[in-house]
Amino acid sequence: MVEILKIKRIVQARIPTDAGEFQLCLYANNRDEKEHLALVHGAVDQQNDVPVRIHSECFTGDVLGSRRCDCGEQLQLAMDYIAGQTKGVMVYLRQEGRGIGLLEKLRAYNLQDSGYDTVEANLALGHSEDEREYSMAAAILQDLGVQSVQLMTNNPDKISGLESLGVQVTGRLPLVATVTEENAAYLLTKARRMNHLLDAGLFFQAEPVSTNGHGPR
């Protein structure tokens, strides 16, 4: 029997940032030993149509500024947008590498450098293409009293995943990062193979060079 998820807001503190001022809420839970977080701007309790970003941890992108993905830029874009509104929430989930962890993500990077795309690399390591789940995010939004959300995402699976958990999604806010030579193939794979809502016109010569038959399909 799956244990019912329980979360507890342990502490919250004022966090002034370059984007604006937030309250950082730290949550404990009975499912894992990770500290999941919420950056809250303005009053969100009992509010509708709250701009919300559900952001999964990406150490390489968020902290190191890696250009292999769009995560770090999406994080900053979302913080900037939320800080410019009267209210908003950034839920920061500790599920690195689409849920496979940093070690396996780095191994997947090595496979990608040999010609695999991001989906093929995960599958080759024995994982599914995306192992993230959003029950923690739904529980955090409930704890914050958010009634409905305008979800900042390009991923339709994230919308359906949250809706299946009882989160009312009243709209989608695109969150499109800069396409570069380093991340173009990665973003194209997300559009082609993972159905992310990205404009194909953004990509320029995005086909990866592959010598072993691997690459986006």
N, C-alpha and C. Protein backbone atom coordinates (compact mmCIF):
# COMPACT_ATOMS: atom_id res chain seq x y z
N MET A 1 0.84 -1.19 0.00
CA MET A 1 0.00 0.00 0.00
C MET A 1 0.88 1.25 0.00
N VAL A 2 0.57 2.19 -0.87
CA VAL A 2 1.35 3.42 -0.96
C VAL A 2 1.00 4.32 0.23
N GLU A 3 2.02 4.78 0.93
CA GLU A 3 1.81 5.64 2.08
C GLU A 3 1.27 6.99 1.63
N ILE A 4 0.27 7.50 2.34
CA ILE A 4 -0.30 8.79 2.02
C ILE A 4 0.74 9.88 2.26
N LEU A 5 0.93 10.73 1.27
CA LEU A 5 1.91 11.80 1.39
C LEU A 5 1.48 12.82 2.44
N LYS A 6 2.41 13.12 3.34
CA LYS A 6 2.20 14.17 4.32
C LYS A 6 3.38 15.13 4.26
N ILE A 7 3.09 16.42 4.23
CA ILE A 7 4.16 17.41 4.22
C ILE A 7 3.99 18.34 5.40
N LYS A 8 5.07 19.03 5.76
CA LYS A 8 5.01 20.00 6.86
C LYS A 8 5.93 21.16 6.52
N ARG A 9 5.37 22.36 6.60
CA ARG A 9 6.18 23.55 6.40
C ARG A 9 6.99 23.78 7.68
N ILE A 10 8.31 23.61 7.57
CA ILE A 10 9.18 23.68 8.74
C ILE A 10 9.53 25.12 9.09
N VAL A 11 9.84 25.92 8.08
CA VAL A 11 10.26 27.29 8.32
C VAL A 11 10.06 28.09 7.05
N GLN A 12 9.91 29.38 7.19
CA GLN A 12 9.92 30.27 6.03
C GLN A 12 10.65 31.55 6.41
N ALA A 13 11.31 32.13 5.42
CA ALA A 13 12.14 33.31 5.68
C ALA A 13 12.10 34.23 4.47
N ARG A 14 12.28 35.51 4.73
CA ARG A 14 12.31 36.51 3.67
C ARG A 14 13.60 36.38 2.87
N ILE A 15 13.47 36.33 1.54
CA ILE A 15 14.62 36.20 0.65
C ILE A 15 14.57 37.31 -0.40
N PRO A 16 15.38 38.37 -0.23
CA PRO A 16 15.47 39.40 -1.27
C PRO A 16 16.40 38.91 -2.38
N THR A 17 15.99 39.03 -3.62
CA THR A 17 16.79 38.58 -4.76
C THR A 17 16.89 39.70 -5.80
N ASP A 18 17.70 39.49 -6.81
CA ASP A 18 17.79 40.46 -7.90
C ASP A 18 16.45 40.61 -8.61
N ALA A 19 15.65 39.54 -8.62
CA ALA A 19 14.34 39.59 -9.26
C ALA A 19 13.32 40.34 -8.41
N GLY A 20 13.39 40.15 -7.11
CA GLY A 20 12.42 40.75 -6.20
C GLY A 20 12.45 40.02 -4.87
N GLU A 21 11.50 40.33 -4.02
CA GLU A 21 11.47 39.73 -2.69
C GLU A 21 10.49 38.56 -2.63
N PHE A 22 10.94 37.49 -1.98
CA PHE A 22 10.13 36.29 -1.84
C PHE A 22 10.16 35.83 -0.39
N GLN A 23 9.20 34.98 -0.05
CA GLN A 23 9.26 34.17 1.15
C GLN A 23 9.66 32.76 0.74
N LEU A 24 10.74 32.25 1.31
CA LEU A 24 11.20 30.90 0.99
C LEU A 24 10.68 29.95 2.05
N CYS A 25 9.85 29.01 1.63
CA CYS A 25 9.25 28.02 2.53
C CYS A 25 9.93 26.67 2.32
N LEU A 26 10.37 26.06 3.42
CA LEU A 26 11.03 24.75 3.36
C LEU A 26 10.10 23.69 3.94
N TYR A 27 9.95 22.60 3.18
CA TYR A 27 9.02 21.54 3.55
C TYR A 27 9.75 20.22 3.84
N ALA A 28 9.30 19.55 4.87
CA ALA A 28 9.68 18.16 5.13
C ALA A 28 8.51 17.27 4.75
N ASN A 29 8.78 15.99 4.52
CA ASN A 29 7.70 15.09 4.14
C ASN A 29 8.02 13.67 4.61
N ASN A 30 7.05 12.79 4.49
CA ASN A 30 7.21 11.41 4.95
C ASN A 30 7.55 10.44 3.83
N ARG A 31 7.91 10.97 2.65
CA ARG A 31 8.15 10.10 1.50
C ARG A 31 9.63 10.03 1.13
N ASP A 32 10.35 11.12 1.28
CA ASP A 32 11.78 11.11 1.02
C ASP A 32 12.46 12.03 2.02
N GLU A 33 13.76 12.07 2.00
CA GLU A 33 14.52 12.88 2.94
C GLU A 33 14.96 14.21 2.33
N LYS A 34 14.34 14.58 1.23
CA LYS A 34 14.73 15.80 0.53
C LYS A 34 13.94 17.00 1.05
N GLU A 35 14.57 18.16 0.94
CA GLU A 35 13.93 19.40 1.38
C GLU A 35 13.37 20.12 0.16
N HIS A 36 12.08 19.96 -0.07
CA HIS A 36 11.41 20.64 -1.18
C HIS A 36 11.05 22.05 -0.74
N LEU A 37 10.95 22.97 -1.70
CA LEU A 37 10.88 24.39 -1.38
C LEU A 37 9.78 25.09 -2.16
N ALA A 38 9.37 26.24 -1.65
CA ALA A 38 8.47 27.12 -2.40
C ALA A 38 8.93 28.55 -2.20
N LEU A 39 9.11 29.27 -3.30
CA LEU A 39 9.37 30.71 -3.27
C LEU A 39 8.03 31.40 -3.51
N VAL A 40 7.58 32.17 -2.54
CA VAL A 40 6.25 32.77 -2.61
C VAL A 40 6.40 34.29 -2.69
N HIS A 41 5.70 34.87 -3.65
CA HIS A 41 5.69 36.33 -3.81
C HIS A 41 4.25 36.83 -3.65
N GLY A 42 4.07 37.75 -2.73
CA GLY A 42 2.73 38.30 -2.52
C GLY A 42 1.84 37.35 -1.74
N ALA A 43 0.55 37.71 -1.67
CA ALA A 43 -0.44 36.92 -0.94
C ALA A 43 -1.09 35.92 -1.89
N VAL A 44 -0.93 34.62 -1.62
CA VAL A 44 -1.48 33.59 -2.51
C VAL A 44 -2.57 32.75 -1.86
N ASP A 45 -2.74 32.87 -0.54
CA ASP A 45 -3.74 32.07 0.16
C ASP A 45 -5.14 32.41 -0.34
N GLN A 46 -5.87 31.37 -0.75
CA GLN A 46 -7.25 31.50 -1.23
C GLN A 46 -7.34 32.32 -2.52
N GLN A 47 -6.26 32.37 -3.29
CA GLN A 47 -6.24 33.15 -4.52
C GLN A 47 -6.38 32.24 -5.75
N ASN A 48 -6.99 32.77 -6.78
CA ASN A 48 -7.16 32.07 -8.04
C ASN A 48 -6.20 32.62 -9.09
N ASP A 49 -5.97 31.79 -10.12
CA ASP A 49 -5.14 32.19 -11.26
C ASP A 49 -3.76 32.67 -10.82
N VAL A 50 -3.18 31.99 -9.86
CA VAL A 50 -1.86 32.36 -9.34
C VAL A 50 -0.79 31.89 -10.32
N PRO A 51 0.08 32.76 -10.80
CA PRO A 51 1.19 32.30 -11.64
C PRO A 51 2.08 31.35 -10.85
N VAL A 52 2.29 30.16 -11.38
CA VAL A 52 3.04 29.12 -10.67
C VAL A 52 4.03 28.47 -11.62
N ARG A 53 5.25 28.32 -11.16
CA ARG A 53 6.26 27.52 -11.85
C ARG A 53 6.58 26.32 -10.98
N ILE A 54 6.47 25.11 -11.54
CA ILE A 54 6.93 23.90 -10.87
C ILE A 54 8.28 23.58 -11.48
N HIS A 55 9.35 23.81 -10.74
CA HIS A 55 10.70 23.69 -11.27
C HIS A 55 11.41 22.53 -10.60
N SER A 56 11.89 21.59 -11.41
CA SER A 56 12.65 20.46 -10.88
C SER A 56 14.12 20.82 -10.82
N GLU A 57 14.74 20.48 -9.72
CA GLU A 57 16.14 20.82 -9.47
C GLU A 57 17.04 20.42 -10.64
N CYS A 58 17.94 21.33 -10.99
CA CYS A 58 18.96 21.05 -12.01
C CYS A 58 20.24 21.71 -11.54
N PHE A 59 21.08 20.97 -10.83
CA PHE A 59 22.30 21.54 -10.29
C PHE A 59 23.17 22.14 -11.38
N THR A 60 23.31 21.41 -12.48
CA THR A 60 24.20 21.89 -13.54
C THR A 60 23.70 23.17 -14.18
N GLY A 61 22.40 23.28 -14.38
CA GLY A 61 21.83 24.47 -15.00
C GLY A 61 21.55 25.59 -14.02
N ASP A 62 20.92 25.26 -12.88
CA ASP A 62 20.50 26.27 -11.92
C ASP A 62 21.68 26.90 -11.20
N VAL A 63 22.69 26.09 -10.86
CA VAL A 63 23.82 26.57 -10.05
C VAL A 63 25.04 26.91 -10.91
N LEU A 64 25.38 26.00 -11.83
CA LEU A 64 26.60 26.18 -12.62
C LEU A 64 26.38 26.97 -13.90
N GLY A 65 25.12 27.15 -14.28
CA GLY A 65 24.84 27.87 -15.51
C GLY A 65 25.16 27.07 -16.76
N SER A 66 25.05 25.75 -16.67
CA SER A 66 25.33 24.89 -17.82
C SER A 66 24.46 25.29 -19.01
N ARG A 67 25.08 25.25 -20.19
CA ARG A 67 24.36 25.58 -21.42
C ARG A 67 23.82 24.34 -22.13
N ARG A 68 23.93 23.18 -21.48
CA ARG A 68 23.42 21.96 -22.09
C ARG A 68 21.90 21.91 -22.05
N CYS A 69 21.29 22.68 -21.16
CA CYS A 69 19.83 22.65 -21.01
C CYS A 69 19.33 24.08 -20.88
N ASP A 70 18.02 24.21 -20.69
CA ASP A 70 17.41 25.54 -20.53
C ASP A 70 16.95 25.79 -19.10
N CYS A 71 17.32 24.91 -18.17
CA CYS A 71 16.76 24.96 -16.82
C CYS A 71 17.11 26.23 -16.06
N GLY A 72 18.39 26.60 -16.07
CA GLY A 72 18.80 27.77 -15.32
C GLY A 72 18.11 29.03 -15.81
N GLU A 73 18.01 29.17 -17.13
CA GLU A 73 17.36 30.34 -17.69
C GLU A 73 15.87 30.32 -17.39
N GLN A 74 15.24 29.15 -17.46
CA GLN A 74 13.82 29.06 -17.11
C GLN A 74 13.58 29.45 -15.66
N LEU A 75 14.47 29.02 -14.78
CA LEU A 75 14.34 29.38 -13.36
C LEU A 75 14.37 30.90 -13.20
N GLN A 76 15.32 31.56 -13.85
CA GLN A 76 15.44 33.01 -13.72
C GLN A 76 14.27 33.73 -14.38
N LEU A 77 13.86 33.25 -15.56
CA LEU A 77 12.72 33.86 -16.23
C LEU A 77 11.46 33.78 -15.37
N ALA A 78 11.26 32.63 -14.74
CA ALA A 78 10.07 32.45 -13.89
C ALA A 78 10.13 33.36 -12.67
N MET A 79 11.30 33.46 -12.03
CA MET A 79 11.43 34.34 -10.87
C MET A 79 11.18 35.79 -11.26
N ASP A 80 11.75 36.20 -12.40
CA ASP A 80 11.55 37.57 -12.87
C ASP A 80 10.07 37.85 -13.14
N TYR A 81 9.40 36.90 -13.78
CA TYR A 81 7.98 37.10 -14.11
C TYR A 81 7.15 37.18 -12.84
N ILE A 82 7.35 36.23 -11.94
CA ILE A 82 6.55 36.18 -10.71
C ILE A 82 6.76 37.45 -9.89
N ALA A 83 8.02 37.90 -9.80
CA ALA A 83 8.32 39.10 -9.02
C ALA A 83 7.67 40.35 -9.61
N GLY A 84 7.36 40.30 -10.91
CA GLY A 84 6.71 41.43 -11.56
C GLY A 84 5.20 41.42 -11.43
N GLN A 85 4.64 40.36 -10.84
CA GLN A 85 3.21 40.25 -10.63
C GLN A 85 2.87 40.57 -9.17
N THR A 86 1.59 40.66 -8.88
CA THR A 86 1.19 40.91 -7.49
C THR A 86 1.34 39.66 -6.62
N LYS A 87 1.35 38.50 -7.26
CA LYS A 87 1.45 37.25 -6.52
C LYS A 87 2.01 36.16 -7.42
N GLY A 88 2.54 35.11 -6.80
CA GLY A 88 3.05 33.99 -7.58
C GLY A 88 3.84 33.04 -6.71
N VAL A 89 4.06 31.84 -7.24
CA VAL A 89 4.76 30.79 -6.50
C VAL A 89 5.72 30.06 -7.43
N MET A 90 6.92 29.84 -6.93
CA MET A 90 7.87 28.93 -7.57
C MET A 90 8.04 27.72 -6.64
N VAL A 91 7.57 26.57 -7.07
CA VAL A 91 7.78 25.34 -6.30
C VAL A 91 9.05 24.68 -6.84
N TYR A 92 10.01 24.45 -5.94
CA TYR A 92 11.31 23.89 -6.34
C TYR A 92 11.40 22.47 -5.80
N LEU A 93 11.26 21.51 -6.71
CA LEU A 93 11.25 20.09 -6.35
C LEU A 93 12.64 19.50 -6.49
N ARG A 94 13.04 18.71 -5.53
CA ARG A 94 14.38 18.11 -5.54
C ARG A 94 14.35 16.78 -6.29
N GLN A 95 14.09 16.86 -7.59
CA GLN A 95 14.09 15.66 -8.43
C GLN A 95 14.97 15.91 -9.65
N GLU A 96 16.26 15.86 -9.37
CA GLU A 96 17.30 16.15 -10.35
C GLU A 96 17.23 15.21 -11.56
N GLY A 97 17.54 15.77 -12.73
CA GLY A 97 17.67 14.94 -13.92
C GLY A 97 16.39 14.23 -14.31
N ARG A 98 15.27 14.93 -14.27
CA ARG A 98 13.95 14.33 -14.52
C ARG A 98 13.71 13.13 -13.59
N GLY A 99 14.26 13.22 -12.39
CA GLY A 99 13.98 12.21 -11.37
C GLY A 99 15.00 11.11 -11.26
N ILE A 100 16.07 11.11 -12.08
CA ILE A 100 17.04 10.01 -12.02
C ILE A 100 18.25 10.33 -11.15
N GLY A 101 18.38 11.57 -10.71
CA GLY A 101 19.49 11.95 -9.85
C GLY A 101 20.69 12.46 -10.63
N LEU A 102 21.57 13.16 -9.92
CA LEU A 102 22.71 13.82 -10.57
C LEU A 102 23.69 12.81 -11.16
N LEU A 103 23.98 11.73 -10.43
CA LEU A 103 24.93 10.73 -10.93
C LEU A 103 24.48 10.18 -12.28
N GLU A 104 23.24 9.75 -12.36
CA GLU A 104 22.74 9.16 -13.60
C GLU A 104 22.59 10.22 -14.69
N LYS A 105 22.31 11.46 -14.30
CA LYS A 105 22.21 12.51 -15.30
C LYS A 105 23.56 12.75 -15.96
N LEU A 106 24.62 12.76 -15.17
CA LEU A 106 25.95 12.96 -15.73
C LEU A 106 26.35 11.79 -16.63
N ARG A 107 25.95 10.58 -16.25
CA ARG A 107 26.19 9.43 -17.13
C ARG A 107 25.41 9.58 -18.43
N ALA A 108 24.19 10.10 -18.32
CA ALA A 108 23.39 10.34 -19.54
C ALA A 108 24.05 11.40 -20.41
N TYR A 109 24.65 12.41 -19.81
CA TYR A 109 25.37 13.42 -20.58
C TYR A 109 26.49 12.79 -21.41
N ASN A 110 27.21 11.85 -20.81
CA ASN A 110 28.29 11.18 -21.55
C ASN A 110 27.74 10.41 -22.74
N LEU A 111 26.59 9.77 -22.56
CA LEU A 111 25.97 9.07 -23.68
C LEU A 111 25.52 10.07 -24.75
N GLN A 112 25.01 11.21 -24.33
CA GLN A 112 24.59 12.22 -25.30
C GLN A 112 25.78 12.73 -26.10
N ASP A 113 26.94 12.83 -25.47
CA ASP A 113 28.13 13.28 -26.18
C ASP A 113 28.61 12.26 -27.21
N SER A 114 28.13 11.01 -27.06
CA SER A 114 28.48 9.98 -28.05
C SER A 114 27.41 9.81 -29.12
N GLY A 115 26.33 10.64 -29.04
CA GLY A 115 25.34 10.63 -30.11
C GLY A 115 23.93 10.31 -29.72
N TYR A 116 23.69 9.86 -28.49
CA TYR A 116 22.32 9.60 -28.04
C TYR A 116 21.61 10.93 -27.80
N ASP A 117 20.28 10.94 -27.97
CA ASP A 117 19.54 12.10 -27.51
C ASP A 117 19.18 11.90 -26.04
N THR A 118 18.56 12.92 -25.43
CA THR A 118 18.31 12.86 -23.99
C THR A 118 17.36 11.73 -23.60
N VAL A 119 16.40 11.41 -24.47
CA VAL A 119 15.48 10.32 -24.18
C VAL A 119 16.20 8.99 -24.30
N GLU A 120 16.94 8.78 -25.38
CA GLU A 120 17.66 7.53 -25.59
C GLU A 120 18.67 7.27 -24.49
N ALA A 121 19.33 8.32 -24.02
CA ALA A 121 20.33 8.16 -22.97
C ALA A 121 19.69 7.65 -21.68
N ASN A 122 18.54 8.23 -21.31
CA ASN A 122 17.85 7.76 -20.11
C ASN A 122 17.42 6.30 -20.25
N LEU A 123 16.89 5.96 -21.41
CA LEU A 123 16.43 4.59 -21.63
C LEU A 123 17.60 3.62 -21.60
N ALA A 124 18.74 4.01 -22.17
CA ALA A 124 19.91 3.14 -22.20
C ALA A 124 20.44 2.86 -20.79
N LEU A 125 20.20 3.78 -19.87
CA LEU A 125 20.64 3.60 -18.49
C LEU A 125 19.60 2.87 -17.64
N GLY A 126 18.50 2.44 -18.26
CA GLY A 126 17.49 1.68 -17.55
C GLY A 126 16.41 2.51 -16.90
N HIS A 127 16.31 3.77 -17.29
CA HIS A 127 15.29 4.65 -16.74
C HIS A 127 14.20 4.91 -17.78
N SER A 128 13.09 5.46 -17.34
CA SER A 128 12.10 5.95 -18.30
C SER A 128 12.53 7.33 -18.75
N GLU A 129 11.89 7.86 -19.77
CA GLU A 129 12.33 9.15 -20.31
C GLU A 129 12.11 10.28 -19.32
N ASP A 130 11.14 10.14 -18.41
CA ASP A 130 10.87 11.18 -17.43
C ASP A 130 10.27 10.51 -16.20
N GLU A 131 11.01 10.52 -15.09
CA GLU A 131 10.57 9.85 -13.87
C GLU A 131 10.05 10.82 -12.81
N ARG A 132 9.82 12.06 -13.21
CA ARG A 132 9.31 13.03 -12.26
C ARG A 132 7.84 12.78 -11.95
N GLU A 133 7.43 13.19 -10.76
CA GLU A 133 6.00 13.19 -10.42
C GLU A 133 5.75 14.40 -9.54
N TYR A 134 4.47 14.79 -9.45
CA TYR A 134 4.17 16.13 -8.94
C TYR A 134 3.26 16.13 -7.72
N SER A 135 3.18 15.01 -7.00
CA SER A 135 2.33 14.99 -5.80
C SER A 135 2.86 15.95 -4.73
N MET A 136 4.20 16.09 -4.65
CA MET A 136 4.78 17.01 -3.68
C MET A 136 4.38 18.45 -4.02
N ALA A 137 4.42 18.79 -5.30
CA ALA A 137 4.03 20.13 -5.73
C ALA A 137 2.57 20.41 -5.42
N ALA A 138 1.72 19.43 -5.70
CA ALA A 138 0.29 19.61 -5.42
C ALA A 138 0.04 19.82 -3.93
N ALA A 139 0.75 19.05 -3.10
CA ALA A 139 0.59 19.19 -1.66
C ALA A 139 1.07 20.56 -1.17
N ILE A 140 2.17 21.04 -1.74
CA ILE A 140 2.69 22.35 -1.34
C ILE A 140 1.71 23.46 -1.74
N LEU A 141 1.18 23.38 -2.95
CA LEU A 141 0.20 24.38 -3.38
C LEU A 141 -1.04 24.37 -2.48
N GLN A 142 -1.45 23.18 -2.07
CA GLN A 142 -2.60 23.07 -1.16
C GLN A 142 -2.25 23.70 0.18
N ASP A 143 -1.05 23.44 0.68
CA ASP A 143 -0.64 24.02 1.97
C ASP A 143 -0.61 25.54 1.90
N LEU A 144 -0.23 26.09 0.75
CA LEU A 144 -0.16 27.54 0.59
C LEU A 144 -1.54 28.16 0.35
N GLY A 145 -2.55 27.32 0.14
CA GLY A 145 -3.90 27.82 -0.05
C GLY A 145 -4.22 28.29 -1.45
N VAL A 146 -3.37 27.92 -2.42
CA VAL A 146 -3.60 28.33 -3.80
C VAL A 146 -4.82 27.60 -4.35
N GLN A 147 -5.78 28.35 -4.90
CA GLN A 147 -7.02 27.76 -5.38
C GLN A 147 -6.94 27.30 -6.84
N SER A 148 -6.27 28.07 -7.68
CA SER A 148 -6.07 27.69 -9.08
C SER A 148 -4.82 28.38 -9.60
N VAL A 149 -4.25 27.82 -10.66
CA VAL A 149 -2.94 28.30 -11.11
C VAL A 149 -2.93 28.61 -12.60
N GLN A 150 -2.11 29.57 -12.95
CA GLN A 150 -1.67 29.80 -14.31
C GLN A 150 -0.27 29.18 -14.37
N LEU A 151 -0.14 28.05 -15.02
CA LEU A 151 1.08 27.26 -14.92
C LEU A 151 2.11 27.70 -15.95
N MET A 152 3.30 27.99 -15.46
CA MET A 152 4.40 28.40 -16.33
C MET A 152 5.14 27.15 -16.79
N THR A 153 4.86 26.72 -18.01
CA THR A 153 5.45 25.48 -18.50
C THR A 153 5.30 25.39 -20.01
N ASN A 154 6.14 24.56 -20.61
CA ASN A 154 5.99 24.18 -22.02
C ASN A 154 5.60 22.71 -22.14
N ASN A 155 5.43 22.05 -20.99
CA ASN A 155 5.25 20.60 -20.93
C ASN A 155 3.80 20.23 -20.64
N PRO A 156 3.07 19.73 -21.64
CA PRO A 156 1.66 19.38 -21.39
C PRO A 156 1.49 18.26 -20.37
N ASP A 157 2.50 17.38 -20.23
CA ASP A 157 2.40 16.31 -19.24
C ASP A 157 2.40 16.87 -17.82
N LYS A 158 3.07 17.99 -17.62
CA LYS A 158 3.07 18.61 -16.29
C LYS A 158 1.67 19.14 -15.96
N ILE A 159 0.99 19.69 -16.96
CA ILE A 159 -0.37 20.18 -16.76
C ILE A 159 -1.30 19.03 -16.39
N SER A 160 -1.27 17.98 -17.19
CA SER A 160 -2.16 16.84 -16.92
C SER A 160 -1.80 16.15 -15.61
N GLY A 161 -0.49 16.11 -15.29
CA GLY A 161 -0.07 15.50 -14.03
C GLY A 161 -0.62 16.24 -12.83
N LEU A 162 -0.56 17.55 -12.86
CA LEU A 162 -1.08 18.34 -11.75
C LEU A 162 -2.60 18.26 -11.67
N GLU A 163 -3.26 18.30 -12.83
CA GLU A 163 -4.71 18.21 -12.83
C GLU A 163 -5.18 16.88 -12.26
N SER A 164 -4.44 15.81 -12.53
CA SER A 164 -4.81 14.50 -12.00
C SER A 164 -4.68 14.44 -10.49
N LEU A 165 -3.91 15.37 -9.93
CA LEU A 165 -3.70 15.45 -8.49
C LEU A 165 -4.63 16.48 -7.83
N GLY A 166 -5.55 17.03 -8.60
CA GLY A 166 -6.54 17.94 -8.05
C GLY A 166 -6.20 19.41 -8.14
N VAL A 167 -5.10 19.74 -8.82
CA VAL A 167 -4.74 21.15 -9.00
C VAL A 167 -5.53 21.71 -10.18
N GLN A 168 -6.21 22.82 -9.97
CA GLN A 168 -6.97 23.44 -11.05
C GLN A 168 -6.05 24.36 -11.86
N VAL A 169 -5.80 23.97 -13.11
CA VAL A 169 -4.96 24.76 -14.00
C VAL A 169 -5.86 25.54 -14.93
N THR A 170 -5.87 26.87 -14.77
CA THR A 170 -6.79 27.70 -15.55
C THR A 170 -6.12 28.31 -16.79
N GLY A 171 -4.82 28.11 -16.92
CA GLY A 171 -4.13 28.64 -18.09
C GLY A 171 -2.67 28.23 -18.09
N ARG A 172 -2.04 28.43 -19.25
CA ARG A 172 -0.61 28.12 -19.39
C ARG A 172 0.15 29.36 -19.81
N LEU A 173 1.28 29.58 -19.15
CA LEU A 173 2.17 30.68 -19.48
C LEU A 173 3.44 30.08 -20.08
N PRO A 174 3.71 30.31 -21.37
CA PRO A 174 4.93 29.75 -21.97
C PRO A 174 6.18 30.26 -21.27
N LEU A 175 7.20 29.42 -21.26
CA LEU A 175 8.46 29.79 -20.61
C LEU A 175 9.59 29.34 -21.54
N VAL A 176 9.88 30.18 -22.53
CA VAL A 176 10.80 29.81 -23.60
C VAL A 176 12.15 30.45 -23.38
N ALA A 177 13.17 29.61 -23.24
CA ALA A 177 14.53 30.09 -23.04
C ALA A 177 15.22 30.30 -24.38
N THR A 178 16.41 30.86 -24.33
CA THR A 178 17.20 31.13 -25.52
C THR A 178 17.71 29.82 -26.13
N VAL A 179 17.58 29.69 -27.43
CA VAL A 179 18.13 28.53 -28.13
C VAL A 179 19.57 28.84 -28.53
N THR A 180 20.49 27.97 -28.13
CA THR A 180 21.90 28.15 -28.46
C THR A 180 22.42 26.90 -29.17
N GLU A 181 23.64 26.97 -29.65
CA GLU A 181 24.24 25.81 -30.30
C GLU A 181 24.37 24.64 -29.33
N GLU A 182 24.55 24.94 -28.05
CA GLU A 182 24.75 23.89 -27.06
C GLU A 182 23.45 23.19 -26.66
N ASN A 183 22.33 23.92 -26.65
CA ASN A 183 21.10 23.31 -26.16
C ASN A 183 20.06 23.04 -27.24
N ALA A 184 20.37 23.41 -28.48
CA ALA A 184 19.36 23.31 -29.54
C ALA A 184 18.89 21.87 -29.75
N ALA A 185 19.81 20.92 -29.81
CA ALA A 185 19.41 19.53 -30.03
C ALA A 185 18.58 19.00 -28.87
N TYR A 186 18.94 19.40 -27.65
CA TYR A 186 18.19 19.01 -26.45
C TYR A 186 16.76 19.54 -26.51
N LEU A 187 16.62 20.82 -26.86
CA LEU A 187 15.29 21.41 -26.93
C LEU A 187 14.48 20.82 -28.08
N LEU A 188 15.13 20.53 -29.18
CA LEU A 188 14.43 19.92 -30.30
C LEU A 188 13.92 18.54 -29.94
N THR A 189 14.72 17.80 -29.17
CA THR A 189 14.27 16.49 -28.70
C THR A 189 13.06 16.63 -27.79
N LYS A 190 13.06 17.63 -26.92
CA LYS A 190 11.89 17.84 -26.05
C LYS A 190 10.65 18.14 -26.88
N ALA A 191 10.83 18.92 -27.96
CA ALA A 191 9.68 19.25 -28.80
C ALA A 191 9.20 18.04 -29.59
N ARG A 192 10.14 17.30 -30.17
CA ARG A 192 9.78 16.19 -31.06
C ARG A 192 9.34 14.93 -30.32
N ARG A 193 10.05 14.60 -29.26
CA ARG A 193 9.84 13.30 -28.63
C ARG A 193 9.08 13.38 -27.32
N MET A 194 9.03 14.55 -26.70
CA MET A 194 8.36 14.68 -25.41
C MET A 194 7.19 15.65 -25.48
N ASN A 195 6.85 16.08 -26.71
CA ASN A 195 5.66 16.88 -26.97
C ASN A 195 5.64 18.23 -26.25
N HIS A 196 6.83 18.76 -25.94
CA HIS A 196 6.87 20.09 -25.34
C HIS A 196 6.41 21.13 -26.36
N LEU A 197 5.73 22.14 -25.88
CA LEU A 197 5.11 23.14 -26.74
C LEU A 197 6.11 24.23 -27.07
N LEU A 198 7.02 23.90 -27.98
CA LEU A 198 8.06 24.81 -28.42
C LEU A 198 7.92 25.06 -29.90
N ASP A 199 8.11 26.28 -30.32
CA ASP A 199 7.98 26.68 -31.72
C ASP A 199 9.18 26.15 -32.50
N ALA A 200 8.92 25.32 -33.49
CA ALA A 200 10.00 24.75 -34.30
C ALA A 200 10.82 25.83 -34.99
N GLY A 201 10.23 27.00 -35.18
CA GLY A 201 10.94 28.10 -35.83
C GLY A 201 12.06 28.66 -34.98
N LEU A 202 12.09 28.29 -33.69
CA LEU A 202 13.16 28.76 -32.82
C LEU A 202 14.49 28.08 -33.12
N PHE A 203 14.44 26.93 -33.76
CA PHE A 203 15.64 26.13 -33.90
C PHE A 203 16.38 26.46 -35.19
N PHE A 204 17.68 26.54 -35.09
CA PHE A 204 18.51 26.83 -36.23
C PHE A 204 19.59 25.77 -36.34
N GLN A 205 19.59 25.01 -37.44
CA GLN A 205 20.56 23.94 -37.66
C GLN A 205 20.69 23.08 -36.40
N ALA A 206 19.53 22.66 -35.89
CA ALA A 206 19.53 22.01 -34.58
C ALA A 206 19.77 20.52 -34.64
N GLU A 207 19.87 19.95 -35.84
CA GLU A 207 20.09 18.52 -35.92
C GLU A 207 21.47 18.16 -35.38
N PRO A 208 21.55 17.26 -34.38
CA PRO A 208 22.85 16.89 -33.84
C PRO A 208 23.62 16.01 -34.82
N VAL A 209 24.93 16.13 -34.80
CA VAL A 209 25.77 15.26 -35.60
C VAL A 209 25.87 13.92 -34.89
N SER A 210 25.57 12.84 -35.57
CA SER A 210 25.63 11.52 -34.96
C SER A 210 26.33 10.56 -35.90
N THR A 211 27.24 9.79 -35.35
CA THR A 211 27.97 8.83 -36.16
C THR A 211 27.57 7.39 -35.88
N ASN A 212 26.63 7.22 -34.95
CA ASN A 212 26.26 5.85 -34.58
C ASN A 212 24.78 5.57 -34.74
N GLY A 213 24.10 6.44 -35.45
CA GLY A 213 22.68 6.19 -35.72
C GLY A 213 21.76 6.71 -34.64
N HIS A 214 22.30 7.24 -33.56
CA HIS A 214 21.47 7.77 -32.50
C HIS A 214 21.21 9.24 -32.74
N GLY A 215 20.09 9.73 -32.24
CA GLY A 215 19.76 11.15 -32.40
C GLY A 215 18.25 11.32 -32.41
N PRO A 216 17.73 12.54 -32.39
CA PRO A 216 16.29 12.77 -32.35
C PRO A 216 15.57 12.12 -33.52
N ARG A 217 14.39 11.60 -33.20
CA ARG A 217 13.56 11.02 -34.25
C ARG A 217 12.21 11.71 -34.21
